[in-house]
Amino acid sequence: MTAFRRQSGPFVEGDKVQLTGPKGKMNTIVLTPGAVFHTHRGMIAHDDVVGLPDGSVVASTTGDEYLALRPLLSDFVMSMPRGAAIVYPKDAAQIVAFADIFPGATVVEAGVGSGALSLWLLRAVGPEGRLASFERRREFADVAEGNVASFFGAEPENWTVTVGDLADELPSAMSDGTVDRVVLDMLAPWENVDVTADALKPGGLVICYVATATQLSRTAEALRASGAFTEPDASETLVRGWHVEGLAVRPDHRMIGHTGFLITARRLAPGSVLPQLKRRPSKSDYSDADVEAWTPGALGERSASDKKLRKTARQARTAADAAIAATEAVDQGPATGPSTGTATA
């Protein structure tokens, strides 16, 4: 399959549809022949939605109106089952832009978390590209695989998930100098600078997503010390919405503030030495004690319990099986007998 889901045209069986009710609550269903969406405000038959243009308004049996739209990827990732914290759409957009993820690219991702970033990367590389994801925990990989299959309605053929440490698994998975981009979303990306440098093509790019200033500093110094990369560039993205209604125009009271830092660097050609920048001596020298304070153990790592991860993985797999079954039902013709649609907030 290609890493694309149908995004326009009239609704067809197997499509995901986001129904927004009178109070703004969103529910997502997969259009299945004979199925019915149940709500305390009445019912909507899936067959009544099939054939309508995207952006239609449908009425339940009680007369309440629902707006029917195909969910955006940002809608899906914000509501899908989570085993680990997701990369928010604002940061995913910056990763795709700053890393220049292009159609046909070979991209390495570590770790995979709940699969949110994997979805954006698969969209960006397109059907001709390849995404190789690495995750240390099997439970997280299960959640991610379920979420990705749920969104696409099938398992993407151009995506692989390897369970294990990136430093151990990447050399056997990718030949040296064959990777266009490496995306590191992990607690200690500095531990993988050398293996990343080996995998990247000359001119390739590594982008790291870290949560704290100490992680940012340690990563930057590791990239510099390797001698294999250009001077790292760091940033963060803050998003503030605005209320716009007539002349009542003002910033929203709430905003999406700090979620993480991004740091990028380009791979130098083997044997090349980065020219030294002419600048004044820095007063920001650090000691071995400072470095010790940056270790993963000192930073601390919070994780969901195994029980919660198993439950989340089951939820993601259930959604994936339903999406795959709906896709197969469309390919094989109308299903026999009614079934009930699944609604998610």
Protein backbone atom coordinates (compact mmCIF):
# COMPACT_ATOMS: atom_id res chain seq x y z
CA MET A 1 0.00 0.00 0.00
CA THR A 2 1.04 3.62 -0.42
CA ALA A 3 1.38 5.83 2.64
CA PHE A 4 -1.67 7.85 1.67
CA ARG A 5 -5.35 7.74 2.59
CA ARG A 6 -8.01 9.21 0.32
CA GLN A 7 -8.36 12.86 1.40
CA SER A 8 -10.97 14.36 -0.92
CA GLY A 9 -14.13 13.61 -2.85
CA PRO A 10 -17.44 12.13 -1.64
CA PHE A 11 -17.34 9.84 1.36
CA VAL A 12 -16.95 6.15 0.54
CA GLU A 13 -17.08 2.99 2.62
CA GLY A 14 -13.90 2.62 4.67
CA ASP A 15 -13.36 6.38 5.07
CA LYS A 16 -12.75 7.86 8.49
CA VAL A 17 -15.30 10.59 9.19
CA GLN A 18 -15.21 13.13 12.00
CA LEU A 19 -18.69 14.05 13.24
CA THR A 20 -18.89 17.29 15.24
CA GLY A 21 -22.05 17.61 17.33
CA PRO A 22 -24.08 20.62 18.50
CA LYS A 23 -21.79 21.23 21.49
CA GLY A 24 -18.55 20.90 19.53
CA LYS A 25 -17.75 17.34 20.62
CA MET A 26 -15.93 15.37 17.93
CA ASN A 27 -16.47 11.67 17.24
CA THR A 28 -14.60 9.66 14.63
CA ILE A 29 -16.17 6.72 12.82
CA VAL A 30 -15.08 4.39 10.02
CA LEU A 31 -17.84 4.17 7.41
CA THR A 32 -19.01 0.55 7.39
CA PRO A 33 -21.95 -0.85 5.41
CA GLY A 34 -24.99 -1.30 7.66
CA ALA A 35 -23.35 0.24 10.73
CA VAL A 36 -24.96 2.89 12.92
CA PHE A 37 -23.36 5.66 14.98
CA HIS A 38 -25.13 5.83 18.35
CA THR A 39 -25.25 8.95 20.51
CA HIS A 40 -27.53 10.22 23.28
CA ARG A 41 -28.69 12.73 20.66
CA GLY A 42 -29.99 10.05 18.32
CA MET A 43 -28.45 7.80 15.70
CA ILE A 44 -26.82 8.30 12.30
CA ALA A 45 -26.65 5.44 9.80
CA HIS A 46 -23.26 5.14 8.11
CA ASP A 47 -25.06 4.47 4.82
CA ASP A 48 -26.62 7.95 5.07
CA VAL A 49 -23.14 9.51 5.11
CA VAL A 50 -21.72 7.46 2.22
CA GLY A 51 -21.85 9.48 -1.00
CA LEU A 52 -22.10 12.89 0.67
CA PRO A 53 -19.43 15.48 -0.15
CA ASP A 54 -16.82 16.29 2.49
CA GLY A 55 -18.07 19.09 4.74
CA SER A 56 -21.73 18.03 4.68
CA VAL A 57 -24.19 18.40 7.55
CA VAL A 58 -26.12 15.28 8.55
CA ALA A 59 -29.04 15.00 10.97
CA SER A 60 -29.47 12.32 13.62
CA THR A 61 -32.80 10.59 14.23
CA THR A 62 -33.63 13.28 16.82
CA GLY A 63 -32.96 16.10 14.35
CA ASP A 64 -29.63 17.25 15.83
CA GLU A 65 -27.17 18.29 13.16
CA TYR A 66 -23.60 16.99 12.86
CA LEU A 67 -20.83 18.37 10.65
CA ALA A 68 -19.14 15.56 8.72
CA LEU A 69 -15.50 16.05 7.72
CA ARG A 70 -12.54 13.82 7.03
CA PRO A 71 -10.32 14.17 10.12
CA LEU A 72 -7.02 15.95 9.62
CA LEU A 73 -3.89 14.12 10.67
CA SER A 74 -3.53 16.65 13.50
CA ASP A 75 -7.01 15.67 14.73
CA PHE A 76 -6.10 11.99 14.67
CA VAL A 77 -2.80 12.25 16.54
CA MET A 78 -4.34 14.36 19.30
CA SER A 79 -7.02 11.74 20.01
CA MET A 80 -5.31 8.42 19.26
CA PRO A 81 -4.28 5.97 22.05
CA ARG A 82 -0.98 6.97 23.66
CA GLY A 83 1.67 4.79 25.23
CA ALA A 84 4.21 7.61 25.39
CA ALA A 85 3.94 11.38 25.07
CA ILE A 86 3.36 12.40 21.46
CA VAL A 87 5.19 14.93 19.33
CA TYR A 88 2.66 17.76 19.03
CA PRO A 89 1.62 18.90 15.55
CA LYS A 90 3.42 22.24 15.99
CA ASP A 91 6.71 20.42 16.56
CA ALA A 92 6.05 17.76 13.92
CA ALA A 93 5.52 20.53 11.37
CA GLN A 94 8.84 22.12 12.32
CA ILE A 95 10.63 18.78 12.16
CA VAL A 96 9.33 18.13 8.65
CA ALA A 97 10.30 21.67 7.61
CA PHE A 98 13.66 22.09 9.36
CA ALA A 99 14.81 18.57 8.45
CA ASP A 100 13.59 19.11 4.88
CA ILE A 101 11.86 15.72 4.78
CA PHE A 102 11.20 15.24 1.06
CA PRO A 103 9.31 12.69 -1.09
CA GLY A 104 11.47 9.66 -1.71
CA ALA A 105 13.78 10.27 1.26
CA THR A 106 15.22 7.51 3.41
CA VAL A 107 14.56 8.54 7.01
CA VAL A 108 15.56 6.96 10.33
CA GLU A 109 13.45 7.71 13.41
CA ALA A 110 14.23 6.83 17.04
CA GLY A 111 12.22 6.39 19.23
CA VAL A 112 8.83 5.77 17.83
CA GLY A 113 6.75 6.58 20.95
CA SER A 114 3.04 6.38 20.11
CA GLY A 115 3.57 6.80 16.35
CA ALA A 116 2.49 10.43 15.97
CA LEU A 117 5.72 11.60 14.35
CA SER A 118 5.88 8.40 12.28
CA LEU A 119 2.60 9.39 10.64
CA TRP A 120 3.89 12.84 9.67
CA LEU A 121 7.15 11.37 8.36
CA LEU A 122 5.35 8.73 6.29
CA ARG A 123 3.21 11.47 4.76
CA ALA A 124 6.32 13.51 3.94
CA VAL A 125 8.47 10.75 2.39
CA GLY A 126 5.57 9.55 0.25
CA PRO A 127 5.17 6.08 -1.28
CA GLU A 128 8.62 6.17 -2.87
CA GLY A 129 10.39 6.98 0.39
CA ARG A 130 11.30 4.79 3.32
CA LEU A 131 10.92 5.24 7.07
CA ALA A 132 12.87 3.02 9.45
CA SER A 133 11.76 3.48 13.06
CA PHE A 134 13.60 2.19 16.12
CA GLU A 135 12.11 1.80 19.59
CA ARG A 136 13.63 0.35 22.74
CA ARG A 137 10.33 -0.84 24.24
CA ARG A 138 8.12 -3.43 22.57
CA GLU A 139 5.02 -1.96 24.25
CA PHE A 140 5.56 1.45 22.66
CA ALA A 141 6.19 -0.18 19.27
CA ASP A 142 2.89 -2.08 19.53
CA VAL A 143 0.97 1.14 20.24
CA ALA A 144 2.67 2.95 17.35
CA GLU A 145 2.04 0.14 14.87
CA GLY A 146 -1.63 0.03 15.85
CA ASN A 147 -2.06 3.79 15.49
CA VAL A 148 -0.36 3.94 12.10
CA ALA A 149 -2.40 1.03 10.73
CA SER A 150 -5.56 2.60 12.13
CA PHE A 151 -4.94 5.87 10.31
CA PHE A 152 -3.94 4.39 6.95
CA GLY A 153 -6.29 1.40 7.06
CA ALA A 154 -3.36 -0.95 6.32
CA GLU A 155 0.25 -1.58 7.29
CA PRO A 156 2.49 0.77 5.24
CA GLU A 157 4.92 -1.26 3.15
CA ASN A 158 7.56 1.48 3.28
CA TRP A 159 7.75 1.48 7.10
CA THR A 160 9.66 -0.84 9.41
CA VAL A 161 9.77 -0.84 13.22
CA THR A 162 12.78 -2.40 14.93
CA VAL A 163 12.76 -3.03 18.67
CA GLY A 164 16.14 -2.39 20.28
CA ASP A 165 18.78 0.26 20.91
CA LEU A 166 19.53 2.44 17.90
CA ALA A 167 23.28 2.11 18.44
CA ASP A 168 23.03 -1.68 18.24
CA GLU A 169 20.42 -2.05 15.49
CA LEU A 170 21.08 0.78 13.02
CA PRO A 171 24.41 -0.50 11.59
CA SER A 172 22.82 -3.80 10.56
CA ALA A 173 19.62 -2.17 9.28
CA MET A 174 21.22 0.59 7.21
CA SER A 175 24.50 0.62 5.31
CA ASP A 176 26.87 3.50 6.03
CA GLY A 177 26.18 6.65 4.04
CA THR A 178 22.70 5.65 2.81
CA VAL A 179 20.36 7.66 5.04
CA ASP A 180 19.08 11.13 4.10
CA ARG A 181 17.68 12.21 7.48
CA VAL A 182 17.85 11.01 11.09
CA VAL A 183 15.23 12.13 13.63
CA LEU A 184 16.11 11.47 17.28
CA ASP A 185 13.32 11.78 19.84
CA MET A 186 14.92 10.24 22.92
CA LEU A 187 16.24 11.03 26.37
CA ALA A 188 19.96 10.97 25.46
CA PRO A 189 20.48 11.59 21.72
CA TRP A 190 24.17 12.39 22.33
CA GLU A 191 24.76 8.67 22.88
CA ASN A 192 23.90 8.05 19.20
CA VAL A 193 25.89 10.80 17.49
CA ASP A 194 28.56 8.44 16.12
CA VAL A 195 26.16 5.83 14.73
CA THR A 196 24.07 8.64 13.22
CA ALA A 197 27.12 10.12 11.51
CA ASP A 198 28.00 6.73 10.02
CA ALA A 199 24.49 6.21 8.60
CA LEU A 200 24.02 9.67 7.07
CA LYS A 201 24.98 10.62 3.55
CA PRO A 202 27.35 13.59 3.21
CA GLY A 203 25.10 16.65 3.50
CA GLY A 204 22.43 14.63 5.29
CA LEU A 205 20.78 16.06 8.37
CA VAL A 206 20.14 15.00 11.95
CA ILE A 207 17.39 16.65 13.99
CA CYS A 208 16.96 16.00 17.71
CA TYR A 209 13.86 16.66 19.79
CA VAL A 210 14.66 17.15 23.49
CA ALA A 211 12.65 18.46 26.42
CA THR A 212 15.13 20.29 28.66
CA ALA A 213 17.87 22.89 28.34
CA THR A 214 20.46 20.50 29.82
CA GLN A 215 19.63 17.87 27.19
CA LEU A 216 19.87 20.55 24.52
CA SER A 217 23.31 21.62 25.75
CA ARG A 218 24.66 18.09 25.98
CA THR A 219 23.42 17.24 22.49
CA ALA A 220 24.95 20.36 20.96
CA GLU A 221 28.33 19.70 22.59
CA ALA A 222 28.31 16.07 21.43
CA LEU A 223 27.61 17.14 17.84
CA ARG A 224 30.45 19.65 18.00
CA ALA A 225 32.88 17.19 19.60
CA SER A 226 32.23 14.53 16.94
CA GLY A 227 33.78 16.67 14.22
CA ALA A 228 31.33 15.11 11.77
CA PHE A 229 28.68 17.83 11.68
CA THR A 230 28.17 21.49 10.98
CA GLU A 231 27.55 23.93 13.84
CA PRO A 232 24.25 22.87 15.45
CA ASP A 233 21.23 25.16 15.28
CA ALA A 234 18.66 25.14 18.12
CA SER A 235 15.13 26.53 18.46
CA GLU A 236 11.73 26.05 20.09
CA THR A 237 8.25 26.81 18.79
CA LEU A 238 5.48 28.55 20.75
CA VAL A 239 1.96 28.77 19.34
CA ARG A 240 -0.62 31.30 20.51
CA GLY A 241 -4.13 31.27 19.12
CA TRP A 242 -6.28 34.35 18.64
CA HIS A 243 -9.96 34.98 19.29
CA VAL A 244 -11.45 36.73 16.24
CA GLU A 245 -15.12 37.71 16.31
CA GLY A 246 -16.05 40.98 14.67
CA LEU A 247 -14.03 43.71 16.37
CA ALA A 248 -13.36 41.47 19.39
CA VAL A 249 -9.84 40.49 18.36
CA ARG A 250 -7.46 39.40 21.12
CA PRO A 251 -5.00 36.64 22.00
CA ASP A 252 -6.49 33.49 23.50
CA HIS A 253 -6.07 33.16 27.25
CA ARG A 254 -4.36 29.81 26.77
CA MET A 255 -1.51 28.89 24.43
CA ILE A 256 0.67 25.92 23.54
CA GLY A 257 3.97 26.93 25.11
CA HIS A 258 7.15 24.95 25.52
CA THR A 259 6.94 21.29 24.52
CA GLY A 260 10.51 20.70 23.41
CA PHE A 261 13.65 22.00 21.72
CA LEU A 262 14.78 21.15 18.20
CA ILE A 263 18.45 21.00 17.28
CA THR A 264 19.73 20.34 13.76
CA ALA A 265 23.12 19.76 12.13
CA ARG A 266 24.34 18.69 8.66
CA ARG A 267 26.72 15.80 8.00
CA LEU A 268 30.14 16.86 6.75
CA ALA A 269 31.88 14.93 4.00
CA PRO A 270 34.26 12.31 5.45
CA GLY A 271 37.65 13.89 6.15
CA SER A 272 36.32 17.45 6.01
CA VAL A 273 37.08 19.80 8.89
CA LEU A 274 34.55 22.48 9.74
CA PRO A 275 36.10 25.96 9.47
CA GLN A 276 36.29 27.62 12.87
CA LEU A 277 34.03 30.58 13.40
CA LYS A 278 35.72 33.78 14.46
CA ARG A 279 34.16 34.83 17.75
CA ARG A 280 35.10 36.09 21.15
CA PRO A 281 36.17 33.55 23.81
CA SER A 282 33.17 32.07 25.63
CA LYS A 283 32.68 32.19 29.38
CA SER A 284 30.45 29.13 29.24
CA ASP A 285 33.07 26.47 29.98
CA TYR A 286 31.72 23.39 31.74
CA SER A 287 33.31 20.78 33.99
CA ASP A 288 33.10 17.00 34.23
CA ALA A 289 30.67 17.48 37.12
CA ASP A 290 28.39 19.44 34.82
CA VAL A 291 28.51 16.63 32.27
CA GLU A 292 27.66 14.07 34.97
CA ALA A 293 24.57 16.11 35.86
CA TRP A 294 23.39 15.70 32.26
CA THR A 295 23.31 11.90 32.31
CA PRO A 296 19.97 10.15 31.70
CA GLY A 297 19.85 8.90 35.28
CA ALA A 298 20.30 12.39 36.67
CA LEU A 299 17.72 13.83 34.29
CA GLY A 300 15.17 11.20 35.26
CA GLU A 301 12.80 9.36 32.94
CA ARG A 302 9.10 8.94 33.61
CA SER A 303 7.25 6.16 31.88
CA ALA A 304 3.79 4.65 31.86
CA SER A 305 3.30 1.39 33.75
CA ASP A 306 3.43 -1.92 31.87
CA LYS A 307 -0.27 -2.49 32.62
CA LYS A 308 -1.27 0.85 31.10
CA LEU A 309 0.94 0.24 28.06
CA ARG A 310 -0.64 -3.17 27.44
CA LYS A 311 -4.11 -1.60 27.64
CA THR A 312 -3.13 1.22 25.27
CA ALA A 313 -1.60 -1.26 22.83
CA ARG A 314 -4.85 -3.26 22.82
CA GLN A 315 -6.85 -0.09 22.11
CA ALA A 316 -4.54 0.87 19.24
CA ARG A 317 -4.65 -2.65 17.78
CA THR A 318 -8.46 -2.80 18.04
CA ALA A 319 -8.73 0.47 16.10
CA ALA A 320 -6.20 -0.79 13.56
CA ASP A 321 -8.06 -4.09 13.05
CA ALA A 322 -11.33 -2.20 12.56
CA ALA A 323 -9.75 0.14 10.00
CA ILE A 324 -8.09 -2.72 8.12
CA ALA A 325 -11.31 -4.76 8.15
CA ALA A 326 -13.26 -1.79 6.78
CA THR A 327 -10.72 -1.34 3.99
CA GLU A 328 -10.83 -5.05 3.11
CA ALA A 329 -14.65 -4.99 3.17
CA VAL A 330 -14.64 -2.22 0.57
CA ASP A 331 -12.25 -4.21 -1.63
CA GLN A 332 -14.34 -7.39 -1.34
CA GLY A 333 -17.75 -5.78 -1.78
CA PRO A 334 -20.66 -5.05 0.60
CA ALA A 335 -20.56 -6.82 3.95
CA THR A 336 -23.52 -8.84 5.18
CA GLY A 337 -25.33 -7.86 8.34
CA PRO A 338 -25.25 -4.61 10.32
CA SER A 339 -22.40 -3.62 12.62
CA THR A 340 -21.93 -0.82 15.09
CA GLY A 341 -19.50 2.02 14.44
CA THR A 342 -16.88 2.95 16.97
CA ALA A 343 -16.82 6.51 18.29
CA THR A 344 -13.79 8.12 19.85
CA ALA A 345 -13.53 11.52 21.48
